[in-house]
């Protein structure tokens, strides 16, 4: 289970790096994963300080922190 959540966290990190602000339903659809796996993966990323959330109206959006987004851009430039 821990490995599944870790893999999902990595995929979420890539999605947020590419798309920017994203909601949980969008992540569930993109990953084709159970909502509990997505929630646990978001918690993992949050504990590591890699994501932040903002509420707009009644919707919560997740995004990479500024530092993580810079890391994402660097990895894309280096082809990692």
Foldseek 3Di string as FASTA:
>chain_A
DVVLLCVLLVVVLLCQLVPPWDFLVRSCVVVVDDSVSNVSSVVVCVVVQQKDWDDDDNTIIIHGDPVSSVVSVVCVVVVD
